Amino acid sequence: MKRYVYHLSGLAVACLLSAFAALDNTYEAELRDWHQKRIESLKAESGWLNLAGLFWLKEGKNTFGSAEENDILFPEGKSRPHLGEIVLEKDRITLKARPDAQIFADDQPVTALDLSSADKPVTLKHGSLRWFVIKRGDRYAIRLRDLESEYLKGFTGIERYPVQESWRVKARFVPTKGHTVSITDVTGRTDDQVSPGKLVFTVNGREYSLDAVGKPESLFIIFADQTNKHETYGSGRFLYSSVEPDGTAWLDFNKAINPPCAFSPYATCPLPPKQNKLALAVSAGEKRYGDH
């Protein structure tokens, strides 16, 4: 009888271990799929790997092309020497292209165009180059992409820590109505962003918290930790989450990602606010890319 009981107990343990292994495999497979989509988004036309320039506009005429005398210098060999002007008049931005510039918008050649649309930036094309207007605070800039960028060609993937489900941490969402978080970006500009709440969580028996921005259903967290500079990107990493109906949220640090500035000098990344600098080594998610 005892042998029979032991046999059943052994079967139960084996079944339990098998179930845990299946859960682990499912979680790792989900993360592999998530990471593959992350890589695809970086390499896409709208991704961060093809950024080729960031040019702040001055009031008045801004000439552009590959010739040295232009205000906005496009890559040599990728652009005609003189393409035209981008004119900033207060908050109005217009393109005045040379007749032979071969600039396209929506696959149609253009020589004059209003670029001030607030709803959707107008993307202009010339060869492998793409550019459009961005606004940061009260300043305007031209963001340039090159679909044949050396950053894109040289991309070999992102090293990651081994997946550890222990770094998928349950957090308590604490609403902070009317609260704002001061976030400074790499250009030195500081912006007060609305924070719907903070996420309180425990690692190895110690409690930590992170201020989030965005909305409860789409939280954005900019954080730093003790792996920065040595193992992970020096200026911190990003994480996304959402609040569950019961007021909790998952912080899956296996999905901690490098900011765009890890891949390109032409991004304007936000930096972690001081309260989001964790006295903790988060050995999960993406590691440093290249020399960053």
C-alpha atoms as a PDB file:
ATOM      1  CA  MET A   1       0.000   0.000   0.000  1.00  0.00           C
ATOM      2  CA  LYS A   2       2.830   2.399   0.919  1.00  0.00           C
ATOM      3  CA  ARG A   3       4.546   1.660  -2.381  1.00  0.00           C
ATOM      4  CA  TYR A   4       1.300   2.553  -4.191  1.00  0.00           C
ATOM      5  CA  VAL A   5       1.013   5.842  -2.259  1.00  0.00           C
ATOM      6  CA  TYR A   6       4.645   6.706  -3.010  1.00  0.00           C
ATOM      7  CA  HIS A   7       4.032   5.939  -6.666  1.00  0.00           C
ATOM      8  CA  LEU A   8       1.032   8.281  -6.766  1.00  0.00           C
ATOM      9  CA  SER A   9       2.995  10.989  -4.940  1.00  0.00           C
ATOM     10  CA  GLY A  10       5.813  10.642  -7.439  1.00  0.00           C
ATOM     11  CA  LEU A  11       3.369  10.987 -10.306  1.00  0.00           C
ATOM     12  CA  ALA A  12       1.846  14.099  -8.737  1.00  0.00           C
ATOM     13  CA  VAL A  13       5.261  15.735  -8.317  1.00  0.00           C
ATOM     14  CA  ALA A  14       6.225  14.816 -11.881  1.00  0.00           C
ATOM     15  CA  CYS A  15       2.979  16.285 -13.218  1.00  0.00           C
ATOM     16  CA  LEU A  16       3.511  19.460 -11.180  1.00  0.00           C
ATOM     17  CA  LEU A  17       7.075  19.866 -12.429  1.00  0.00           C
ATOM     18  CA  SER A  18       5.894  19.248 -15.972  1.00  0.00           C
ATOM     19  CA  ALA A  19       3.229  21.939 -15.591  1.00  0.00           C
ATOM     20  CA  PHE A  20       5.808  24.444 -14.273  1.00  0.00           C
ATOM     21  CA  ALA A  21       8.154  23.614 -17.153  1.00  0.00           C
ATOM     22  CA  ALA A  22       5.325  24.172 -19.640  1.00  0.00           C
ATOM     23  CA  LEU A  23       4.581  27.562 -18.056  1.00  0.00           C
ATOM     24  CA  ASP A  24       8.274  28.512 -18.237  1.00  0.00           C
ATOM     25  CA  ASN A  25       8.465  27.461 -21.877  1.00  0.00           C
ATOM     26  CA  THR A  26       5.310  29.434 -22.706  1.00  0.00           C
ATOM     27  CA  TYR A  27       6.672  32.544 -20.968  1.00  0.00           C
ATOM     28  CA  GLU A  28      10.055  32.275 -22.694  1.00  0.00           C
ATOM     29  CA  ALA A  29       8.362  31.730 -26.066  1.00  0.00           C
ATOM     30  CA  GLU A  30       6.197  34.813 -25.481  1.00  0.00           C
ATOM     31  CA  LEU A  31       9.309  36.856 -24.674  1.00  0.00           C
ATOM     32  CA  ARG A  32      11.142  35.596 -27.767  1.00  0.00           C
ATOM     33  CA  ASP A  33       8.190  36.664 -29.902  1.00  0.00           C
ATOM     34  CA  TRP A  34       8.032  40.030 -28.139  1.00  0.00           C
ATOM     35  CA  HIS A  35      11.782  40.582 -28.633  1.00  0.00           C
ATOM     36  CA  GLN A  36      11.586  39.684 -32.322  1.00  0.00           C
ATOM     37  CA  LYS A  37       8.859  42.290 -32.811  1.00  0.00           C
ATOM     38  CA  ARG A  38      11.007  44.786 -30.926  1.00  0.00           C
ATOM     39  CA  ILE A  39      13.914  44.160 -33.335  1.00  0.00           C
ATOM     40  CA  GLU A  40      11.611  44.468 -36.349  1.00  0.00           C
ATOM     41  CA  SER A  41      10.289  47.811 -35.074  1.00  0.00           C
ATOM     42  CA  LEU A  42      13.844  49.151 -34.672  1.00  0.00           C
ATOM     43  CA  LYS A  43      14.721  48.144 -38.243  1.00  0.00           C
ATOM     44  CA  ALA A  44      11.467  49.428 -39.779  1.00  0.00           C
ATOM     45  CA  GLU A  45      11.264  52.633 -41.819  1.00  0.00           C
ATOM     46  CA  SER A  46       9.746  54.332 -38.775  1.00  0.00           C
ATOM     47  CA  GLY A  47      12.352  52.781 -36.434  1.00  0.00           C
ATOM     48  CA  TRP A  48      15.301  54.337 -34.641  1.00  0.00           C
ATOM     49  CA  LEU A  49      18.178  52.693 -36.506  1.00  0.00           C
ATOM     50  CA  ASN A  50      17.890  54.820 -39.644  1.00  0.00           C
ATOM     51  CA  LEU A  51      18.093  58.244 -37.984  1.00  0.00           C
ATOM     52  CA  ALA A  52      20.662  60.310 -39.867  1.00  0.00           C
ATOM     53  CA  GLY A  53      20.296  63.833 -38.527  1.00  0.00           C
ATOM     54  CA  LEU A  54      18.512  66.265 -36.224  1.00  0.00           C
ATOM     55  CA  PHE A  55      18.519  69.921 -37.288  1.00  0.00           C
ATOM     56  CA  TRP A  56      17.009  72.682 -35.159  1.00  0.00           C
ATOM     57  CA  LEU A  57      15.312  75.333 -37.284  1.00  0.00           C
ATOM     58  CA  LYS A  58      16.110  79.011 -36.916  1.00  0.00           C
ATOM     59  CA  GLU A  59      13.527  81.687 -37.608  1.00  0.00           C
ATOM     60  CA  GLY A  60      13.435  82.514 -41.305  1.00  0.00           C
ATOM     61  CA  LYS A  61      15.105  80.610 -44.139  1.00  0.00           C
ATOM     62  CA  ASN A  62      16.950  77.341 -43.556  1.00  0.00           C
ATOM     63  CA  THR A  63      18.699  76.159 -46.713  1.00  0.00           C
ATOM     64  CA  PHE A  64      19.275  72.418 -47.076  1.00  0.00           C
ATOM     65  CA  GLY A  65      21.235  69.994 -49.224  1.00  0.00           C
ATOM     66  CA  SER A  66      24.664  68.328 -49.213  1.00  0.00           C
ATOM     67  CA  ALA A  67      26.734  71.449 -50.017  1.00  0.00           C
ATOM     68  CA  GLU A  68      28.750  72.780 -47.061  1.00  0.00           C
ATOM     69  CA  GLU A  69      27.184  76.247 -47.172  1.00  0.00           C
ATOM     70  CA  ASN A  70      23.696  74.953 -46.337  1.00  0.00           C
ATOM     71  CA  ASP A  71      22.127  75.576 -42.925  1.00  0.00           C
ATOM     72  CA  ILE A  72      20.892  71.979 -42.885  1.00  0.00           C
ATOM     73  CA  LEU A  73      23.581  69.632 -44.110  1.00  0.00           C
ATOM     74  CA  PHE A  74      22.314  66.407 -45.671  1.00  0.00           C
ATOM     75  CA  PRO A  75      24.727  63.465 -46.158  1.00  0.00           C
ATOM     76  CA  GLU A  76      27.099  63.815 -49.079  1.00  0.00           C
ATOM     77  CA  GLY A  77      26.355  61.309 -51.803  1.00  0.00           C
ATOM     78  CA  LYS A  78      22.760  60.956 -50.620  1.00  0.00           C
ATOM     79  CA  SER A  79      21.490  64.388 -51.627  1.00  0.00           C
ATOM     80  CA  ARG A  80      21.854  67.010 -54.316  1.00  0.00           C
ATOM     81  CA  PRO A  81      24.039  69.955 -53.247  1.00  0.00           C
ATOM     82  CA  HIS A  82      21.136  72.416 -53.075  1.00  0.00           C
ATOM     83  CA  LEU A  83      17.575  71.218 -52.509  1.00  0.00           C
ATOM     84  CA  GLY A  84      15.860  74.429 -51.413  1.00  0.00           C
ATOM     85  CA  GLU A  85      14.697  76.116 -48.215  1.00  0.00           C
ATOM     86  CA  ILE A  86      12.628  75.260 -45.166  1.00  0.00           C
ATOM     87  CA  VAL A  87      11.153  78.488 -43.848  1.00  0.00           C
ATOM     88  CA  LEU A  88      10.079  78.981 -40.220  1.00  0.00           C
ATOM     89  CA  GLU A  89       7.780  81.946 -39.588  1.00  0.00           C
ATOM     90  CA  LYS A  90       6.632  81.794 -35.965  1.00  0.00           C
ATOM     91  CA  ASP A  91       4.729  78.481 -35.913  1.00  0.00           C
ATOM     92  CA  ARG A  92       4.363  78.107 -39.648  1.00  0.00           C
ATOM     93  CA  ILE A  93       6.835  75.950 -41.557  1.00  0.00           C
ATOM     94  CA  THR A  94       6.937  75.776 -45.345  1.00  0.00           C
ATOM     95  CA  LEU A  95       9.020  73.934 -47.900  1.00  0.00           C
ATOM     96  CA  LYS A  96      10.357  75.869 -50.877  1.00  0.00           C
ATOM     97  CA  ALA A  97      12.195  73.345 -53.050  1.00  0.00           C
ATOM     98  CA  ARG A  98      14.197  73.933 -56.204  1.00  0.00           C
ATOM     99  CA  PRO A  99      12.379  72.801 -59.376  1.00  0.00           C
ATOM    100  CA  ASP A 100      15.031  70.126 -60.005  1.00  0.00           C
ATOM    101  CA  ALA A 101      15.210  68.909 -56.387  1.00  0.00           C
ATOM    102  CA  GLN A 102      13.223  65.707 -56.940  1.00  0.00           C
ATOM    103  CA  ILE A 103      11.505  65.878 -53.557  1.00  0.00           C
ATOM    104  CA  PHE A 104       8.358  63.812 -53.089  1.00  0.00           C
ATOM    105  CA  ALA A 105       5.440  63.765 -50.643  1.00  0.00           C
ATOM    106  CA  ASP A 106       2.946  60.899 -50.886  1.00  0.00           C
ATOM    107  CA  ASP A 107       4.851  59.819 -54.013  1.00  0.00           C
ATOM    108  CA  GLN A 108       4.045  63.125 -55.719  1.00  0.00           C
ATOM    109  CA  PRO A 109       6.776  65.646 -56.664  1.00  0.00           C
ATOM    110  CA  VAL A 110       6.558  68.872 -54.666  1.00  0.00           C
ATOM    111  CA  THR A 111       8.221  72.275 -54.827  1.00  0.00           C
ATOM    112  CA  ALA A 112       6.115  74.127 -52.236  1.00  0.00           C
ATOM    113  CA  LEU A 113       4.322  72.626 -49.243  1.00  0.00           C
ATOM    114  CA  ASP A 114       3.018  73.583 -45.803  1.00  0.00           C
ATOM    115  CA  LEU A 115       4.779  71.386 -43.216  1.00  0.00           C
ATOM    116  CA  SER A 116       2.928  72.790 -40.203  1.00  0.00           C
ATOM    117  CA  SER A 117       0.325  70.032 -39.828  1.00  0.00           C
ATOM    118  CA  ALA A 118      -0.151  69.269 -36.131  1.00  0.00           C
ATOM    119  CA  ASP A 119      -2.115  66.066 -36.736  1.00  0.00           C
ATOM    120  CA  LYS A 120       0.375  64.091 -38.790  1.00  0.00           C
ATOM    121  CA  PRO A 121       3.864  65.204 -39.848  1.00  0.00           C
ATOM    122  CA  VAL A 122       4.411  65.420 -43.596  1.00  0.00           C
ATOM    123  CA  THR A 123       7.210  63.056 -44.628  1.00  0.00           C
ATOM    124  CA  LEU A 124       9.350  64.250 -47.525  1.00  0.00           C
ATOM    125  CA  LYS A 125      11.453  61.923 -49.694  1.00  0.00           C
ATOM    126  CA  HIS A 126      14.612  62.361 -51.733  1.00  0.00           C
ATOM    127  CA  GLY A 127      16.425  59.191 -52.751  1.00  0.00           C
ATOM    128  CA  SER A 128      16.995  57.094 -49.617  1.00  0.00           C
ATOM    129  CA  LEU A 129      16.393  60.121 -47.366  1.00  0.00           C
ATOM    130  CA  ARG A 130      13.189  60.833 -45.439  1.00  0.00           C
ATOM    131  CA  TRP A 131      12.552  63.869 -43.246  1.00  0.00           C
ATOM    132  CA  PHE A 132       9.796  65.596 -41.306  1.00  0.00           C
ATOM    133  CA  VAL A 133       9.239  68.265 -38.661  1.00  0.00           C
ATOM    134  CA  ILE A 134       9.251  67.524 -34.931  1.00  0.00           C
ATOM    135  CA  LYS A 135       8.505  69.903 -32.067  1.00  0.00           C
ATOM    136  CA  ARG A 136      10.178  69.856 -28.654  1.00  0.00           C
ATOM    137  CA  GLY A 137       8.820  72.459 -26.281  1.00  0.00           C
ATOM    138  CA  ASP A 138       8.656  75.660 -28.330  1.00  0.00           C
ATOM    139  CA  ARG A 139      11.407  74.604 -30.762  1.00  0.00           C
ATOM    140  CA  TYR A 140      11.105  72.947 -34.162  1.00  0.00           C
ATOM    141  CA  ALA A 141      13.556  70.594 -35.814  1.00  0.00           C
ATOM    142  CA  ILE A 142      13.946  68.480 -38.927  1.00  0.00           C
ATOM    143  CA  ARG A 143      14.370  64.781 -38.186  1.00  0.00           C
ATOM    144  CA  LEU A 144      16.233  63.032 -40.993  1.00  0.00           C
ATOM    145  CA  ARG A 145      16.180  59.325 -41.811  1.00  0.00           C
ATOM    146  CA  ASP A 146      18.360  57.409 -44.237  1.00  0.00           C
ATOM    147  CA  LEU A 147      16.917  54.057 -45.290  1.00  0.00           C
ATOM    148  CA  GLU A 148      20.484  53.016 -46.156  1.00  0.00           C
ATOM    149  CA  SER A 149      21.921  54.228 -42.842  1.00  0.00           C
ATOM    150  CA  GLU A 150      25.198  52.773 -41.571  1.00  0.00           C
ATOM    151  CA  TYR A 151      23.559  52.353 -38.152  1.00  0.00           C
ATOM    152  CA  LEU A 152      20.926  50.163 -39.775  1.00  0.00           C
ATOM    153  CA  LYS A 153      23.430  48.200 -41.853  1.00  0.00           C
ATOM    154  CA  GLY A 154      25.686  47.635 -38.851  1.00  0.00           C
ATOM    155  CA  PHE A 155      22.939  46.487 -36.494  1.00  0.00           C
ATOM    156  CA  THR A 156      23.602  42.987 -35.159  1.00  0.00           C
ATOM    157  CA  GLY A 157      20.912  42.662 -32.519  1.00  0.00           C
ATOM    158  CA  ILE A 158      20.745  43.458 -28.806  1.00  0.00           C
ATOM    159  CA  GLU A 159      22.316  41.349 -26.093  1.00  0.00           C
ATOM    160  CA  ARG A 160      19.928  40.496 -23.258  1.00  0.00           C
ATOM    161  CA  TYR A 161      20.094  38.962 -19.829  1.00  0.00           C
ATOM    162  CA  PRO A 162      18.819  35.375 -19.596  1.00  0.00           C
ATOM    163  CA  VAL A 163      15.070  35.335 -19.011  1.00  0.00           C
ATOM    164  CA  GLN A 164      14.228  35.091 -15.314  1.00  0.00           C
ATOM    165  CA  GLU A 165      10.571  34.960 -14.384  1.00  0.00           C
ATOM    166  CA  SER A 166      11.502  36.252 -10.922  1.00  0.00           C
ATOM    167  CA  TRP A 167      12.011  39.647 -12.601  1.00  0.00           C
ATOM    168  CA  ARG A 168       8.340  39.712 -13.566  1.00  0.00           C
ATOM    169  CA  VAL A 169       7.256  41.582 -10.474  1.00  0.00           C
ATOM    170  CA  LYS A 170       3.746  42.365  -9.276  1.00  0.00           C
ATOM    171  CA  ALA A 171       3.373  46.012  -8.253  1.00  0.00           C
ATOM    172  CA  ARG A 172       0.728  47.985  -6.421  1.00  0.00           C
ATOM    173  CA  PHE A 173      -0.546  51.041  -8.305  1.00  0.00           C
ATOM    174  CA  VAL A 174      -0.901  54.093  -6.056  1.00  0.00           C
ATOM    175  CA  PRO A 175      -2.888  56.867  -7.810  1.00  0.00           C
ATOM    176  CA  THR A 176      -1.447  60.390  -7.540  1.00  0.00           C
ATOM    177  CA  LYS A 177      -4.169  62.613  -8.966  1.00  0.00           C
ATOM    178  CA  GLY A 178      -2.901  65.991 -10.142  1.00  0.00           C
ATOM    179  CA  HIS A 179       0.735  64.952  -9.727  1.00  0.00           C
ATOM    180  CA  THR A 180       3.384  65.837 -12.313  1.00  0.00           C
ATOM    181  CA  VAL A 181       6.898  64.518 -12.830  1.00  0.00           C
ATOM    182  CA  SER A 182       9.727  66.749 -14.060  1.00  0.00           C
ATOM    183  CA  ILE A 183      11.531  64.932 -16.860  1.00  0.00           C
ATOM    184  CA  THR A 184      14.649  66.303 -18.534  1.00  0.00           C
ATOM    185  CA  ASP A 185      15.753  65.060 -21.949  1.00  0.00           C
ATOM    186  CA  VAL A 186      19.256  64.730 -23.406  1.00  0.00           C
ATOM    187  CA  THR A 187      19.028  68.221 -24.941  1.00  0.00           C
ATOM    188  CA  GLY A 188      18.598  69.732 -21.465  1.00  0.00           C
ATOM    189  CA  ARG A 189      14.928  70.602 -21.897  1.00  0.00           C
ATOM    190  CA  THR A 190      12.719  69.881 -18.851  1.00  0.00           C
ATOM    191  CA  ASP A 191       9.039  69.115 -19.141  1.00  0.00           C
ATOM    192  CA  ASP A 192       6.473  68.516 -16.391  1.00  0.00           C
ATOM    193  CA  GLN A 193       4.488  65.437 -17.391  1.00  0.00           C
ATOM    194  CA  VAL A 194       1.275  64.205 -15.804  1.00  0.00           C
ATOM    195  CA  SER A 195       1.794  61.135 -13.633  1.00  0.00           C
ATOM    196  CA  PRO A 196      -1.332  59.068 -12.916  1.00  0.00           C
ATOM    197  CA  GLY A 197       0.420  57.212 -10.112  1.00  0.00           C
ATOM    198  CA  LYS A 198       3.399  55.323  -8.794  1.00  0.00           C
ATOM    199  CA  LEU A 199       4.152  51.609  -8.833  1.00  0.00           C
ATOM    200  CA  VAL A 200       5.220  50.107  -5.516  1.00  0.00           C
ATOM    201  CA  PHE A 201       6.909  46.700  -5.583  1.00  0.00           C
ATOM    202  CA  THR A 202       9.176  44.432  -3.555  1.00  0.00           C
ATOM    203  CA  VAL A 203      12.426  42.721  -4.550  1.00  0.00           C
ATOM    204  CA  ASN A 204      14.279  40.494  -2.068  1.00  0.00           C
ATOM    205  CA  GLY A 205      12.170  41.795   0.796  1.00  0.00           C
ATOM    206  CA  ARG A 206      12.847  45.477   0.124  1.00  0.00           C
ATOM    207  CA  GLU A 207      10.220  47.915  -1.147  1.00  0.00           C
ATOM    208  CA  TYR A 208      10.816  50.207  -4.133  1.00  0.00           C
ATOM    209  CA  SER A 209       8.654  52.590  -6.150  1.00  0.00           C
ATOM    210  CA  LEU A 210       8.658  54.080  -9.645  1.00  0.00           C
ATOM    211  CA  ASP A 211       6.742  57.123 -10.881  1.00  0.00           C
ATOM    212  CA  ALA A 212       4.955  56.436 -14.162  1.00  0.00           C
ATOM    213  CA  VAL A 213       3.690  58.827 -16.825  1.00  0.00           C
ATOM    214  CA  GLY A 214       0.968  58.339 -19.414  1.00  0.00           C
ATOM    215  CA  LYS A 215      -2.379  56.778 -18.565  1.00  0.00           C
ATOM    216  CA  PRO A 216      -3.234  53.836 -16.272  1.00  0.00           C
ATOM    217  CA  GLU A 217      -3.938  51.650 -19.308  1.00  0.00           C
ATOM    218  CA  SER A 218      -0.590  52.566 -20.929  1.00  0.00           C
ATOM    219  CA  LEU A 219       2.039  53.425 -18.331  1.00  0.00           C
ATOM    220  CA  PHE A 220       5.511  54.566 -19.377  1.00  0.00           C
ATOM    221  CA  ILE A 221       8.350  54.174 -16.875  1.00  0.00           C
ATOM    222  CA  ILE A 222      11.822  55.687 -17.256  1.00  0.00           C
ATOM    223  CA  PHE A 223      14.154  54.145 -14.692  1.00  0.00           C
ATOM    224  CA  ALA A 224      17.805  53.790 -13.769  1.00  0.00           C
ATOM    225  CA  ASP A 225      19.459  51.070 -11.711  1.00  0.00           C
ATOM    226  CA  GLN A 226      22.859  49.870 -10.544  1.00  0.00           C
ATOM    227  CA  THR A 227      23.635  47.970 -13.758  1.00  0.00           C
ATOM    228  CA  ASN A 228      23.757  51.209 -15.785  1.00  0.00           C
ATOM    229  CA  LYS A 229      27.036  52.068 -17.549  1.00  0.00           C
ATOM    230  CA  HIS A 230      28.682  48.725 -16.744  1.00  0.00           C
ATOM    231  CA  GLU A 231      26.137  46.253 -18.126  1.00  0.00           C
ATOM    232  CA  THR A 232      23.183  48.306 -19.355  1.00  0.00           C
ATOM    233  CA  TYR A 233      22.745  51.652 -21.096  1.00  0.00           C
ATOM    234  CA  GLY A 234      24.300  54.417 -19.004  1.00  0.00           C
ATOM    235  CA  SER A 235      21.305  56.745 -18.930  1.00  0.00           C
ATOM    236  CA  GLY A 236      18.712  54.183 -17.902  1.00  0.00           C
ATOM    237  CA  ARG A 237      16.065  52.119 -19.637  1.00  0.00           C
ATOM    238  CA  PHE A 238      12.355  52.175 -20.477  1.00  0.00           C
ATOM    239  CA  LEU A 239       9.533  49.907 -19.348  1.00  0.00           C
ATOM    240  CA  TYR A 240       5.832  49.766 -20.186  1.00  0.00           C
ATOM    241  CA  SER A 241       2.948  48.460 -18.101  1.00  0.00           C
ATOM    242  CA  SER A 242      -0.777  48.827 -17.483  1.00  0.00           C
ATOM    243  CA  VAL A 243      -3.001  48.795 -14.421  1.00  0.00           C
ATOM    244  CA  GLU A 244      -5.173  45.718 -13.865  1.00  0.00           C
ATOM    245  CA  PRO A 245      -8.798  46.024 -12.645  1.00  0.00           C
ATOM    246  CA  ASP A 246      -7.657  45.036  -9.133  1.00  0.00           C
ATOM    247  CA  GLY A 247      -5.251  47.987  -8.926  1.00  0.00           C
ATOM    248  CA  THR A 248      -2.073  46.016  -9.549  1.00  0.00           C
ATOM    249  CA  ALA A 249       0.369  46.079 -12.453  1.00  0.00           C
ATOM    250  CA  TRP A 250       3.084  43.781 -13.723  1.00  0.00           C
ATOM    251  CA  LEU A 251       6.597  45.180 -13.998  1.00  0.00           C
ATOM    252  CA  ASP A 252       8.250  42.739 -16.370  1.00  0.00           C
ATOM    253  CA  PHE A 253      11.881  43.807 -16.235  1.00  0.00           C
ATOM    254  CA  ASN A 254      12.682  41.114 -18.809  1.00  0.00           C
ATOM    255  CA  LYS A 255      11.084  43.650 -21.170  1.00  0.00           C
ATOM    256  CA  ALA A 256      13.240  46.584 -20.028  1.00  0.00           C
ATOM    257  CA  ILE A 257      14.481  48.235 -23.224  1.00  0.00           C
ATOM    258  CA  ASN A 258      17.187  50.652 -24.287  1.00  0.00           C
ATOM    259  CA  PRO A 259      16.049  54.185 -25.179  1.00  0.00           C
ATOM    260  CA  PRO A 260      16.496  55.356 -28.787  1.00  0.00           C
ATOM    261  CA  CYS A 261      19.660  57.251 -27.788  1.00  0.00           C
ATOM    262  CA  ALA A 262      21.385  53.896 -27.299  1.00  0.00           C
ATOM    263  CA  PHE A 263      21.197  53.390 -31.071  1.00  0.00           C
ATOM    264  CA  SER A 264      21.504  56.897 -32.489  1.00  0.00           C
ATOM    265  CA  PRO A 265      22.998  60.281 -31.547  1.00  0.00           C
ATOM    266  CA  TYR A 266      20.031  61.963 -33.251  1.00  0.00           C
ATOM    267  CA  ALA A 267      17.292  61.034 -30.760  1.00  0.00           C
ATOM    268  CA  THR A 268      15.976  63.297 -27.980  1.00  0.00           C
ATOM    269  CA  CYS A 269      15.500  60.800 -25.149  1.00  0.00           C
ATOM    270  CA  PRO A 270      14.002  61.545 -21.741  1.00  0.00           C
ATOM    271  CA  LEU A 271      16.187  60.779 -18.727  1.00  0.00           C
ATOM    272  CA  PRO A 272      15.039  59.042 -15.525  1.00  0.00           C
ATOM    273  CA  PRO A 273      13.733  61.432 -12.856  1.00  0.00           C
ATOM    274  CA  LYS A 274      15.782  61.236  -9.649  1.00  0.00           C
ATOM    275  CA  GLN A 275      13.054  59.343  -7.779  1.00  0.00           C
ATOM    276  CA  ASN A 276      13.223  56.577 -10.411  1.00  0.00           C
ATOM    277  CA  LYS A 277      16.895  55.802  -9.799  1.00  0.00           C
ATOM    278  CA  LEU A 278      16.728  52.446  -8.062  1.00  0.00           C
ATOM    279  CA  ALA A 279      19.242  51.339  -5.425  1.00  0.00           C
ATOM    280  CA  LEU A 280      18.986  47.932  -7.026  1.00  0.00           C
ATOM    281  CA  ALA A 281      20.736  45.980  -9.784  1.00  0.00           C
ATOM    282  CA  VAL A 282      18.057  44.994 -12.300  1.00  0.00           C
ATOM    283  CA  SER A 283      19.836  42.156 -14.112  1.00  0.00           C
ATOM    284  CA  ALA A 284      17.055  41.652 -16.640  1.00  0.00           C
ATOM    285  CA  GLY A 285      16.086  42.961 -20.059  1.00  0.00           C
ATOM    286  CA  GLU A 286      18.311  44.572 -22.670  1.00  0.00           C
ATOM    287  CA  LYS A 287      22.020  45.144 -22.090  1.00  0.00           C
ATOM    288  CA  ARG A 288      24.242  47.900 -23.490  1.00  0.00           C
ATOM    289  CA  TYR A 289      24.309  48.259 -27.248  1.00  0.00           C
ATOM    290  CA  GLY A 290      27.757  48.819 -28.714  1.00  0.00           C
ATOM    291  CA  ASP A 291      29.783  51.389 -26.776  1.00  0.00           C
ATOM    292  CA  HIS A 292      26.782  53.159 -25.269  1.00  0.00           C
END
